Amino acid sequence: MNDSGLLLIILGSLAWFWWDSRGVAERATIAAESYCANSGVAFLNDTVFWRKIRFKRNRQGRIQLQRYYFFEFASDMQQRYRGKSL
């Protein structure tokens, strides 16, 4: 394999990772929004923030990426609190 083929594989992998991460972040945002609505608190900034990523085995024993996100919420609009989403 030549250098341009390797570069294309690396760029393709980075593009896939970015695209996949956006979908996961959107699902985490929906989950955090739902959690805050059910708990009667305000979901601040209307988004989640990436915390960390690691490899972990799923229930079937296969290794997969696990992304951790955090979000902020407030019950009285005076004090901010952090929640987390997997």
PDB file of N, CA and C in Angstrom:
ATOM      1  N   MET A   1       0.852  -1.172   0.000  1.00  0.00           N
ATOM      2  CA  MET A   1       0.000   0.000   0.000  1.00  0.00           C
ATOM      3  C   MET A   1       0.902   1.240   0.000  1.00  0.00           C
ATOM      4  N   ASN A   2       0.550   2.201  -0.807  1.00  0.00           N
ATOM      5  CA  ASN A   2       1.362   3.414  -0.868  1.00  0.00           C
ATOM      6  C   ASN A   2       0.887   4.432   0.164  1.00  0.00           C
ATOM      7  N   ASP A   3       1.602   5.537   0.258  1.00  0.00           N
ATOM      8  CA  ASP A   3       1.316   6.559   1.264  1.00  0.00           C
ATOM      9  C   ASP A   3      -0.057   7.197   1.071  1.00  0.00           C
ATOM     10  N   SER A   4      -0.473   7.392  -0.171  1.00  0.00           N
ATOM     11  CA  SER A   4      -1.773   8.036  -0.399  1.00  0.00           C
ATOM     12  C   SER A   4      -2.924   7.107   0.013  1.00  0.00           C
ATOM     13  N   GLY A   5      -2.739   5.801  -0.139  1.00  0.00           N
ATOM     14  CA  GLY A   5      -3.762   4.853   0.303  1.00  0.00           C
ATOM     15  C   GLY A   5      -3.901   4.845   1.817  1.00  0.00           C
ATOM     16  N   LEU A   6      -2.773   4.891   2.505  1.00  0.00           N
ATOM     17  CA  LEU A   6      -2.782   4.942   3.965  1.00  0.00           C
ATOM     18  C   LEU A   6      -3.416   6.239   4.465  1.00  0.00           C
ATOM     19  N   LEU A   7      -3.084   7.332   3.820  1.00  0.00           N
ATOM     20  CA  LEU A   7      -3.664   8.626   4.183  1.00  0.00           C
ATOM     21  C   LEU A   7      -5.175   8.611   3.977  1.00  0.00           C
ATOM     22  N   LEU A   8      -5.626   8.009   2.908  1.00  0.00           N
ATOM     23  CA  LEU A   8      -7.064   7.914   2.635  1.00  0.00           C
ATOM     24  C   LEU A   8      -7.773   7.083   3.698  1.00  0.00           C
ATOM     25  N   ILE A   9      -7.159   5.999   4.143  1.00  0.00           N
ATOM     26  CA  ILE A   9      -7.741   5.163   5.212  1.00  0.00           C
ATOM     27  C   ILE A   9      -7.820   5.942   6.521  1.00  0.00           C
ATOM     28  N   ILE A  10      -6.762   6.673   6.845  1.00  0.00           N
ATOM     29  CA  ILE A  10      -6.757   7.465   8.081  1.00  0.00           C
ATOM     30  C   ILE A  10      -7.817   8.551   8.031  1.00  0.00           C
ATOM     31  N   LEU A  11      -7.896   9.270   6.924  1.00  0.00           N
ATOM     32  CA  LEU A  11      -8.903  10.328   6.797  1.00  0.00           C
ATOM     33  C   LEU A  11     -10.322   9.757   6.825  1.00  0.00           C
ATOM     34  N   GLY A  12     -10.519   8.626   6.181  1.00  0.00           N
ATOM     35  CA  GLY A  12     -11.832   7.972   6.202  1.00  0.00           C
ATOM     36  C   GLY A  12     -12.215   7.533   7.606  1.00  0.00           C
ATOM     37  N   SER A  13     -11.245   7.009   8.352  1.00  0.00           N
ATOM     38  CA  SER A  13     -11.512   6.595   9.734  1.00  0.00           C
ATOM     39  C   SER A  13     -11.859   7.786  10.614  1.00  0.00           C
ATOM     40  N   LEU A  14     -11.146   8.879  10.443  1.00  0.00           N
ATOM     41  CA  LEU A  14     -11.449  10.088  11.216  1.00  0.00           C
ATOM     42  C   LEU A  14     -12.825  10.640  10.866  1.00  0.00           C
ATOM     43  N   ALA A  15     -13.179  10.622   9.598  1.00  0.00           N
ATOM     44  CA  ALA A  15     -14.503  11.099   9.182  1.00  0.00           C
ATOM     45  C   ALA A  15     -15.597  10.210   9.760  1.00  0.00           C
ATOM     46  N   TRP A  16     -15.402   8.899   9.735  1.00  0.00           N
ATOM     47  CA  TRP A  16     -16.389   7.990  10.328  1.00  0.00           C
ATOM     48  C   TRP A  16     -16.532   8.249  11.823  1.00  0.00           C
ATOM     49  N   PHE A  17     -15.400   8.391  12.526  1.00  0.00           N
ATOM     50  CA  PHE A  17     -15.435   8.624  13.966  1.00  0.00           C
ATOM     51  C   PHE A  17     -16.191   9.919  14.281  1.00  0.00           C
ATOM     52  N   TRP A  18     -15.921  10.984  13.541  1.00  0.00           N
ATOM     53  CA  TRP A  18     -16.611  12.259  13.761  1.00  0.00           C
ATOM     54  C   TRP A  18     -18.109  12.091  13.515  1.00  0.00           C
ATOM     55  N   TRP A  19     -18.493  11.468  12.415  1.00  0.00           N
ATOM     56  CA  TRP A  19     -19.903  11.281  12.070  1.00  0.00           C
ATOM     57  C   TRP A  19     -20.615  10.427  13.118  1.00  0.00           C
ATOM     58  N   ASP A  20     -20.003   9.350  13.524  1.00  0.00           N
ATOM     59  CA  ASP A  20     -20.588   8.467  14.529  1.00  0.00           C
ATOM     60  C   ASP A  20     -20.720   9.188  15.881  1.00  0.00           C
ATOM     61  N   SER A  21     -19.723   9.970  16.251  1.00  0.00           N
ATOM     62  CA  SER A  21     -19.750  10.703  17.514  1.00  0.00           C
ATOM     63  C   SER A  21     -20.865  11.733  17.543  1.00  0.00           C
ATOM     64  N   ARG A  22     -21.153  12.357  16.420  1.00  0.00           N
ATOM     65  CA  ARG A  22     -22.245  13.339  16.366  1.00  0.00           C
ATOM     66  C   ARG A  22     -23.581  12.650  16.644  1.00  0.00           C
ATOM     67  N   GLY A  23     -23.793  11.474  16.094  1.00  0.00           N
ATOM     68  CA  GLY A  23     -25.031  10.742  16.336  1.00  0.00           C
ATOM     69  C   GLY A  23     -25.177  10.338  17.793  1.00  0.00           C
ATOM     70  N   VAL A  24     -24.071   9.899  18.394  1.00  0.00           N
ATOM     71  CA  VAL A  24     -24.095   9.509  19.809  1.00  0.00           C
ATOM     72  C   VAL A  24     -24.366  10.733  20.677  1.00  0.00           C
ATOM     73  N   ALA A  25     -23.749  11.860  20.370  1.00  0.00           N
ATOM     74  CA  ALA A  25     -23.962  13.089  21.139  1.00  0.00           C
ATOM     75  C   ALA A  25     -25.419  13.554  21.037  1.00  0.00           C
ATOM     76  N   GLU A  26     -26.018  13.397  19.863  1.00  0.00           N
ATOM     77  CA  GLU A  26     -27.432  13.774  19.709  1.00  0.00           C
ATOM     78  C   GLU A  26     -28.330  12.897  20.577  1.00  0.00           C
ATOM     79  N   ARG A  27     -28.047  11.607  20.621  1.00  0.00           N
ATOM     80  CA  ARG A  27     -28.832  10.708  21.478  1.00  0.00           C
ATOM     81  C   ARG A  27     -28.612  11.014  22.952  1.00  0.00           C
ATOM     82  N   ALA A  28     -27.380  11.361  23.332  1.00  0.00           N
ATOM     83  CA  ALA A  28     -27.096  11.724  24.723  1.00  0.00           C
ATOM     84  C   ALA A  28     -27.809  13.022  25.095  1.00  0.00           C
ATOM     85  N   THR A  29     -27.903  13.959  24.173  1.00  0.00           N
ATOM     86  CA  THR A  29     -28.618  15.214  24.416  1.00  0.00           C
ATOM     87  C   THR A  29     -30.097  14.949  24.643  1.00  0.00           C
ATOM     88  N   ILE A  30     -30.683  14.099  23.831  1.00  0.00           N
ATOM     89  CA  ILE A  30     -32.101  13.749  23.991  1.00  0.00           C
ATOM     90  C   ILE A  30     -32.335  13.068  25.330  1.00  0.00           C
ATOM     91  N   ALA A  31     -31.435  12.166  25.720  1.00  0.00           N
ATOM     92  CA  ALA A  31     -31.571  11.469  27.001  1.00  0.00           C
ATOM     93  C   ALA A  31     -31.447  12.446  28.169  1.00  0.00           C
ATOM     94  N   ALA A  32     -30.487  13.367  28.109  1.00  0.00           N
ATOM     95  CA  ALA A  32     -30.295  14.344  29.184  1.00  0.00           C
ATOM     96  C   ALA A  32     -31.494  15.287  29.270  1.00  0.00           C
ATOM     97  N   GLU A  33     -31.998  15.699  28.125  1.00  0.00           N
ATOM     98  CA  GLU A  33     -33.172  16.580  28.088  1.00  0.00           C
ATOM     99  C   GLU A  33     -34.382  15.892  28.705  1.00  0.00           C
ATOM    100  N   SER A  34     -34.582  14.640  28.377  1.00  0.00           N
ATOM    101  CA  SER A  34     -35.691  13.860  28.920  1.00  0.00           C
ATOM    102  C   SER A  34     -35.535  13.666  30.425  1.00  0.00           C
ATOM    103  N   TYR A  35     -34.317  13.373  30.859  1.00  0.00           N
ATOM    104  CA  TYR A  35     -34.044  13.188  32.283  1.00  0.00           C
ATOM    105  C   TYR A  35     -34.372  14.465  33.059  1.00  0.00           C
ATOM    106  N   CYS A  36     -33.931  15.598  32.546  1.00  0.00           N
ATOM    107  CA  CYS A  36     -34.189  16.877  33.223  1.00  0.00           C
ATOM    108  C   CYS A  36     -35.682  17.188  33.251  1.00  0.00           C
ATOM    109  N   ALA A  37     -36.379  16.943  32.162  1.00  0.00           N
ATOM    110  CA  ALA A  37     -37.823  17.202  32.120  1.00  0.00           C
ATOM    111  C   ALA A  37     -38.561  16.325  33.123  1.00  0.00           C
ATOM    112  N   ASN A  38     -38.191  15.066  33.209  1.00  0.00           N
ATOM    113  CA  ASN A  38     -38.830  14.142  34.152  1.00  0.00           C
ATOM    114  C   ASN A  38     -38.492  14.463  35.603  1.00  0.00           C
ATOM    115  N   SER A  39     -37.335  15.092  35.826  1.00  0.00           N
ATOM    116  CA  SER A  39     -36.901  15.428  37.179  1.00  0.00           C
ATOM    117  C   SER A  39     -37.347  16.822  37.617  1.00  0.00           C
ATOM    118  N   GLY A  40     -37.914  17.588  36.690  1.00  0.00           N
ATOM    119  CA  GLY A  40     -38.383  18.930  37.018  1.00  0.00           C
ATOM    120  C   GLY A  40     -37.280  19.953  37.185  1.00  0.00           C
ATOM    121  N   VAL A  41     -36.171  19.759  36.476  1.00  0.00           N
ATOM    122  CA  VAL A  41     -35.071  20.724  36.526  1.00  0.00           C
ATOM    123  C   VAL A  41     -34.829  21.277  35.124  1.00  0.00           C
ATOM    124  N   ALA A  42     -34.109  22.394  35.058  1.00  0.00           N
ATOM    125  CA  ALA A  42     -33.833  23.044  33.767  1.00  0.00           C
ATOM    126  C   ALA A  42     -32.558  22.472  33.165  1.00  0.00           C
ATOM    127  N   PHE A  43     -32.638  22.042  31.924  1.00  0.00           N
ATOM    128  CA  PHE A  43     -31.494  21.542  31.159  1.00  0.00           C
ATOM    129  C   PHE A  43     -30.775  22.761  30.594  1.00  0.00           C
ATOM    130  N   LEU A  44     -29.561  23.020  31.058  1.00  0.00           N
ATOM    131  CA  LEU A  44     -28.831  24.224  30.665  1.00  0.00           C
ATOM    132  C   LEU A  44     -28.014  24.001  29.398  1.00  0.00           C
ATOM    133  N   ASN A  45     -27.902  25.023  28.600  1.00  0.00           N
ATOM    134  CA  ASN A  45     -27.107  25.052  27.361  1.00  0.00           C
ATOM    135  C   ASN A  45     -27.659  24.171  26.253  1.00  0.00           C
ATOM    136  N   ASP A  46     -28.697  23.386  26.512  1.00  0.00           N
ATOM    137  CA  ASP A  46     -29.318  22.518  25.508  1.00  0.00           C
ATOM    138  C   ASP A  46     -28.332  21.609  24.788  1.00  0.00           C
ATOM    139  N   THR A  47     -27.303  21.170  25.472  1.00  0.00           N
ATOM    140  CA  THR A  47     -26.330  20.279  24.856  1.00  0.00           C
ATOM    141  C   THR A  47     -25.582  19.472  25.915  1.00  0.00           C
ATOM    142  N   VAL A  48     -24.885  18.449  25.461  1.00  0.00           N
ATOM    143  CA  VAL A  48     -24.001  17.666  26.315  1.00  0.00           C
ATOM    144  C   VAL A  48     -22.568  17.932  25.865  1.00  0.00           C
ATOM    145  N   PHE A  49     -21.628  17.688  26.755  1.00  0.00           N
ATOM    146  CA  PHE A  49     -20.220  17.923  26.473  1.00  0.00           C
ATOM    147  C   PHE A  49     -19.456  16.624  26.632  1.00  0.00           C
ATOM    148  N   TRP A  50     -18.561  16.380  25.688  1.00  0.00           N
ATOM    149  CA  TRP A  50     -17.771  15.160  25.703  1.00  0.00           C
ATOM    150  C   TRP A  50     -16.835  15.173  26.903  1.00  0.00           C
ATOM    151  N   ARG A  51     -16.782  14.057  27.619  1.00  0.00           N
ATOM    152  CA  ARG A  51     -15.934  13.942  28.810  1.00  0.00           C
ATOM    153  C   ARG A  51     -14.744  13.028  28.540  1.00  0.00           C
ATOM    154  N   LYS A  52     -15.019  11.796  28.126  1.00  0.00           N
ATOM    155  CA  LYS A  52     -13.938  10.861  27.812  1.00  0.00           C
ATOM    156  C   LYS A  52     -14.461   9.763  26.909  1.00  0.00           C
ATOM    157  N   ILE A  53     -13.534   9.028  26.367  1.00  0.00           N
ATOM    158  CA  ILE A  53     -13.870   7.905  25.502  1.00  0.00           C
ATOM    159  C   ILE A  53     -12.883   6.779  25.824  1.00  0.00           C
ATOM    160  N   ARG A  54     -13.387   5.551  25.798  1.00  0.00           N
ATOM    161  CA  ARG A  54     -12.524   4.403  26.063  1.00  0.00           C
ATOM    162  C   ARG A  54     -13.105   3.170  25.392  1.00  0.00           C
ATOM    163  N   PHE A  55     -12.283   2.142  25.322  1.00  0.00           N
ATOM    164  CA  PHE A  55     -12.752   0.865  24.814  1.00  0.00           C
ATOM    165  C   PHE A  55     -13.281   0.054  25.984  1.00  0.00           C
ATOM    166  N   LYS A  56     -14.420  -0.599  25.789  1.00  0.00           N
ATOM    167  CA  LYS A  56     -15.021  -1.424  26.833  1.00  0.00           C
ATOM    168  C   LYS A  56     -15.783  -2.564  26.169  1.00  0.00           C
ATOM    169  N   ARG A  57     -15.862  -3.684  26.845  1.00  0.00           N
ATOM    170  CA  ARG A  57     -16.612  -4.824  26.321  1.00  0.00           C
ATOM    171  C   ARG A  57     -18.099  -4.603  26.538  1.00  0.00           C
ATOM    172  N   ASN A  58     -18.900  -4.902  25.511  1.00  0.00           N
ATOM    173  CA  ASN A  58     -20.345  -4.803  25.649  1.00  0.00           C
ATOM    174  C   ASN A  58     -20.908  -6.101  26.222  1.00  0.00           C
ATOM    175  N   ARG A  59     -22.210  -6.226  26.298  1.00  0.00           N
ATOM    176  CA  ARG A  59     -22.839  -7.415  26.898  1.00  0.00           C
ATOM    177  C   ARG A  59     -22.550  -8.695  26.129  1.00  0.00           C
ATOM    178  N   GLN A  60     -22.274  -8.572  24.845  1.00  0.00           N
ATOM    179  CA  GLN A  60     -21.953  -9.746  24.036  1.00  0.00           C
ATOM    180  C   GLN A  60     -20.467 -10.096  24.104  1.00  0.00           C
ATOM    181  N   GLY A  61     -19.690  -9.307  24.843  1.00  0.00           N
ATOM    182  CA  GLY A  61     -18.271  -9.573  24.996  1.00  0.00           C
ATOM    183  C   GLY A  61     -17.391  -8.936  23.939  1.00  0.00           C
ATOM    184  N   ARG A  62     -17.976  -8.188  23.015  1.00  0.00           N
ATOM    185  CA  ARG A  62     -17.202  -7.524  21.976  1.00  0.00           C
ATOM    186  C   ARG A  62     -16.707  -6.170  22.458  1.00  0.00           C
ATOM    187  N   ILE A  63     -15.526  -5.790  22.037  1.00  0.00           N
ATOM    188  CA  ILE A  63     -14.959  -4.499  22.413  1.00  0.00           C
ATOM    189  C   ILE A  63     -15.586  -3.414  21.546  1.00  0.00           C
ATOM    190  N   GLN A  64     -15.985  -2.317  22.193  1.00  0.00           N
ATOM    191  CA  GLN A  64     -16.570  -1.190  21.477  1.00  0.00           C
ATOM    192  C   GLN A  64     -16.144   0.106  22.158  1.00  0.00           C
ATOM    193  N   LEU A  65     -16.356   1.217  21.483  1.00  0.00           N
ATOM    194  CA  LEU A  65     -16.068   2.517  22.072  1.00  0.00           C
ATOM    195  C   LEU A  65     -17.182   2.890  23.039  1.00  0.00           C
ATOM    196  N   GLN A  66     -16.820   3.382  24.205  1.00  0.00           N
ATOM    197  CA  GLN A  66     -17.808   3.890  25.147  1.00  0.00           C
ATOM    198  C   GLN A  66     -17.490   5.360  25.363  1.00  0.00           C
ATOM    199  N   ARG A  67     -18.470   6.194  25.093  1.00  0.00           N
ATOM    200  CA  ARG A  67     -18.293   7.636  25.218  1.00  0.00           C
ATOM    201  C   ARG A  67     -19.023   8.122  26.466  1.00  0.00           C
ATOM    202  N   TYR A  68     -18.393   9.017  27.200  1.00  0.00           N
ATOM    203  CA  TYR A  68     -18.990   9.616  28.390  1.00  0.00           C
ATOM    204  C   TYR A  68     -19.232  11.096  28.110  1.00  0.00           C
ATOM    205  N   TYR A  69     -20.410  11.572  28.475  1.00  0.00           N
ATOM    206  CA  TYR A  69     -20.768  12.971  28.305  1.00  0.00           C
ATOM    207  C   TYR A  69     -21.251  13.525  29.633  1.00  0.00           C
ATOM    208  N   PHE A  70     -21.152  14.843  29.803  1.00  0.00           N
ATOM    209  CA  PHE A  70     -21.769  15.472  30.958  1.00  0.00           C
ATOM    210  C   PHE A  70     -22.666  16.598  30.474  1.00  0.00           C
ATOM    211  N   PHE A  71     -23.589  16.981  31.310  1.00  0.00           N
ATOM    212  CA  PHE A  71     -24.494  18.077  31.009  1.00  0.00           C
ATOM    213  C   PHE A  71     -24.737  18.844  32.294  1.00  0.00           C
ATOM    214  N   GLU A  72     -25.218  20.066  32.141  1.00  0.00           N
ATOM    215  CA  GLU A  72     -25.488  20.895  33.308  1.00  0.00           C
ATOM    216  C   GLU A  72     -26.976  21.145  33.435  1.00  0.00           C
ATOM    217  N   PHE A  73     -27.432  21.207  34.691  1.00  0.00           N
ATOM    218  CA  PHE A  73     -28.833  21.489  34.958  1.00  0.00           C
ATOM    219  C   PHE A  73     -28.936  22.336  36.222  1.00  0.00           C
ATOM    220  N   ALA A  74     -30.085  22.942  36.414  1.00  0.00           N
ATOM    221  CA  ALA A  74     -30.325  23.771  37.595  1.00  0.00           C
ATOM    222  C   ALA A  74     -31.752  23.566  38.064  1.00  0.00           C
ATOM    223  N   SER A  75     -31.926  23.556  39.374  1.00  0.00           N
ATOM    224  CA  SER A  75     -33.277  23.415  39.928  1.00  0.00           C
ATOM    225  C   SER A  75     -33.863  24.765  40.300  1.00  0.00           C
ATOM    226  N   ASP A  76     -32.995  25.726  40.626  1.00  0.00           N
ATOM    227  CA  ASP A  76     -33.483  27.031  41.059  1.00  0.00           C
ATOM    228  C   ASP A  76     -32.890  28.193  40.258  1.00  0.00           C
ATOM    229  N   MET A  77     -32.159  27.889  39.213  1.00  0.00           N
ATOM    230  CA  MET A  77     -31.481  28.851  38.347  1.00  0.00           C
ATOM    231  C   MET A  77     -30.438  29.683  39.106  1.00  0.00           C
ATOM    232  N   GLN A  78     -30.051  29.252  40.296  1.00  0.00           N
ATOM    233  CA  GLN A  78     -29.005  29.908  41.078  1.00  0.00           C
ATOM    234  C   GLN A  78     -27.724  29.071  41.054  1.00  0.00           C
ATOM    235  N   GLN A  79     -27.887  27.777  41.212  1.00  0.00           N
ATOM    236  CA  GLN A  79     -26.754  26.857  41.312  1.00  0.00           C
ATOM    237  C   GLN A  79     -26.787  25.879  40.142  1.00  0.00           C
ATOM    238  N   ARG A  80     -25.649  25.703  39.470  1.00  0.00           N
ATOM    239  CA  ARG A  80     -25.530  24.742  38.381  1.00  0.00           C
ATOM    240  C   ARG A  80     -25.042  23.407  38.932  1.00  0.00           C
ATOM    241  N   TYR A  81     -25.575  22.333  38.390  1.00  0.00           N
ATOM    242  CA  TYR A  81     -25.161  20.986  38.767  1.00  0.00           C
ATOM    243  C   TYR A  81     -24.775  20.236  37.511  1.00  0.00           C
ATOM    244  N   ARG A  82     -23.976  19.182  37.683  1.00  0.00           N
ATOM    245  CA  ARG A  82     -23.562  18.361  36.550  1.00  0.00           C
ATOM    246  C   ARG A  82     -24.202  16.988  36.629  1.00  0.00           C
ATOM    247  N   GLY A  83     -24.672  16.524  35.489  1.00  0.00           N
ATOM    248  CA  GLY A  83     -25.141  15.168  35.332  1.00  0.00           C
ATOM    249  C   GLY A  83     -24.233  14.469  34.352  1.00  0.00           C
ATOM    250  N   LYS A  84     -24.348  13.157  34.250  1.00  0.00           N
ATOM    251  CA  LYS A  84     -23.510  12.434  33.290  1.00  0.00           C
ATOM    252  C   LYS A  84     -24.353  11.473  32.484  1.00  0.00           C
ATOM    253  N   SER A  85     -23.879  11.200  31.315  1.00  0.00           N
ATOM    254  CA  SER A  85     -24.573  10.317  30.394  1.00  0.00           C
ATOM    255  C   SER A  85     -23.549   9.392  29.766  1.00  0.00           C
ATOM    256  N   LEU A  86     -23.905   8.113  29.638  1.00  0.00           N
ATOM    257  CA  LEU A  86     -23.025   7.144  28.967  1.00  0.00           C
ATOM    258  C   LEU A  86     -23.474   6.953  27.550  1.00  0.00           C
TER     259      LEU A  86
END
